[in-house]
Amino acid sequence: MDLAAVMVRDRGTVADEQLAAARCAGLSGGQIIEVIAHVAVNVFTDCLATAARADIDWPLVRHTG
């Protein structure tokens, strides 16, 4: 499972093995930080939109699996 998906699934908890797998896949330290930042921004945006009861003005997508 990729780093971003693990972060979302495990609420930010990332095992050493996941970080090692990301590095083994070719991500640098800076790129790993960038993945973490993107996940954080997306979670923040989702929380803000939910709290503000923002209208969804695009087709809703459901994740499967």
Protein backbone atom coordinates (compact mmCIF):
# COMPACT_ATOMS: atom_id res chain seq x y z
CA MET A 1 0.00 0.00 0.00
CA ASP A 2 1.39 3.41 -0.83
CA LEU A 3 2.45 5.98 1.74
CA ALA A 4 -0.50 8.36 1.28
CA ALA A 5 -3.06 5.56 1.60
CA VAL A 6 -1.39 4.24 4.76
CA MET A 7 -1.40 7.73 6.27
CA VAL A 8 -5.11 8.15 5.62
CA ARG A 9 -6.01 4.64 6.76
CA ASP A 10 -3.90 4.80 9.93
CA ARG A 11 -4.55 8.48 10.71
CA GLY A 12 -0.99 9.62 10.20
CA THR A 13 0.76 6.69 11.82
CA VAL A 14 3.47 5.42 9.49
CA ALA A 15 5.61 2.40 10.37
CA ASP A 16 9.34 2.39 9.72
CA GLU A 17 8.70 -0.29 7.10
CA GLN A 18 6.37 2.03 5.18
CA LEU A 19 8.96 4.80 5.16
CA ALA A 20 11.61 2.32 4.04
CA ALA A 21 9.31 1.10 1.26
CA ALA A 22 8.76 4.68 0.11
CA ARG A 23 12.51 5.29 0.04
CA CYS A 24 13.06 1.97 -1.75
CA ALA A 25 10.49 3.10 -4.35
CA GLY A 26 12.73 6.09 -5.03
CA LEU A 27 11.21 8.85 -2.91
CA SER A 28 13.66 11.29 -1.34
CA GLY A 29 13.18 12.71 2.14
CA GLY A 30 11.77 15.89 0.62
CA GLN A 31 9.32 13.95 -1.51
CA ILE A 32 8.13 11.99 1.53
CA ILE A 33 7.53 15.30 3.33
CA GLU A 34 5.60 16.50 0.28
CA VAL A 35 3.36 13.41 0.37
CA ILE A 36 2.70 13.99 4.07
CA ALA A 37 1.90 17.66 3.43
CA HIS A 38 -0.53 16.84 0.62
CA VAL A 39 -2.35 14.29 2.78
CA ALA A 40 -2.57 16.82 5.63
CA VAL A 41 -3.93 19.56 3.35
CA ASN A 42 -6.55 17.21 1.90
CA VAL A 43 -7.67 16.01 5.34
CA PHE A 44 -7.84 19.63 6.53
CA THR A 45 -9.86 20.64 3.46
CA ASP A 46 -12.27 17.75 4.01
CA CYS A 47 -12.75 18.65 7.69
CA LEU A 48 -13.28 22.30 6.84
CA ALA A 49 -15.81 21.52 4.10
CA THR A 50 -17.67 19.14 6.40
CA ALA A 51 -17.79 21.62 9.30
CA ALA A 52 -18.85 24.45 6.98
CA ARG A 53 -21.49 22.21 5.40
CA ALA A 54 -20.17 23.14 1.98
CA ASP A 55 -22.35 22.11 -0.94
CA ILE A 56 -20.83 19.49 -3.20
CA ASP A 57 -21.04 20.92 -6.68
CA TRP A 58 -19.35 18.09 -8.58
CA PRO A 59 -20.25 14.41 -9.04
CA LEU A 60 -19.72 12.42 -5.87
CA VAL A 61 -17.14 9.63 -6.16
CA ARG A 62 -17.33 6.54 -3.97
CA HIS A 63 -14.18 4.55 -3.23
CA THR A 64 -14.38 0.79 -3.39
CA GLY A 65 -12.14 -1.82 -1.88
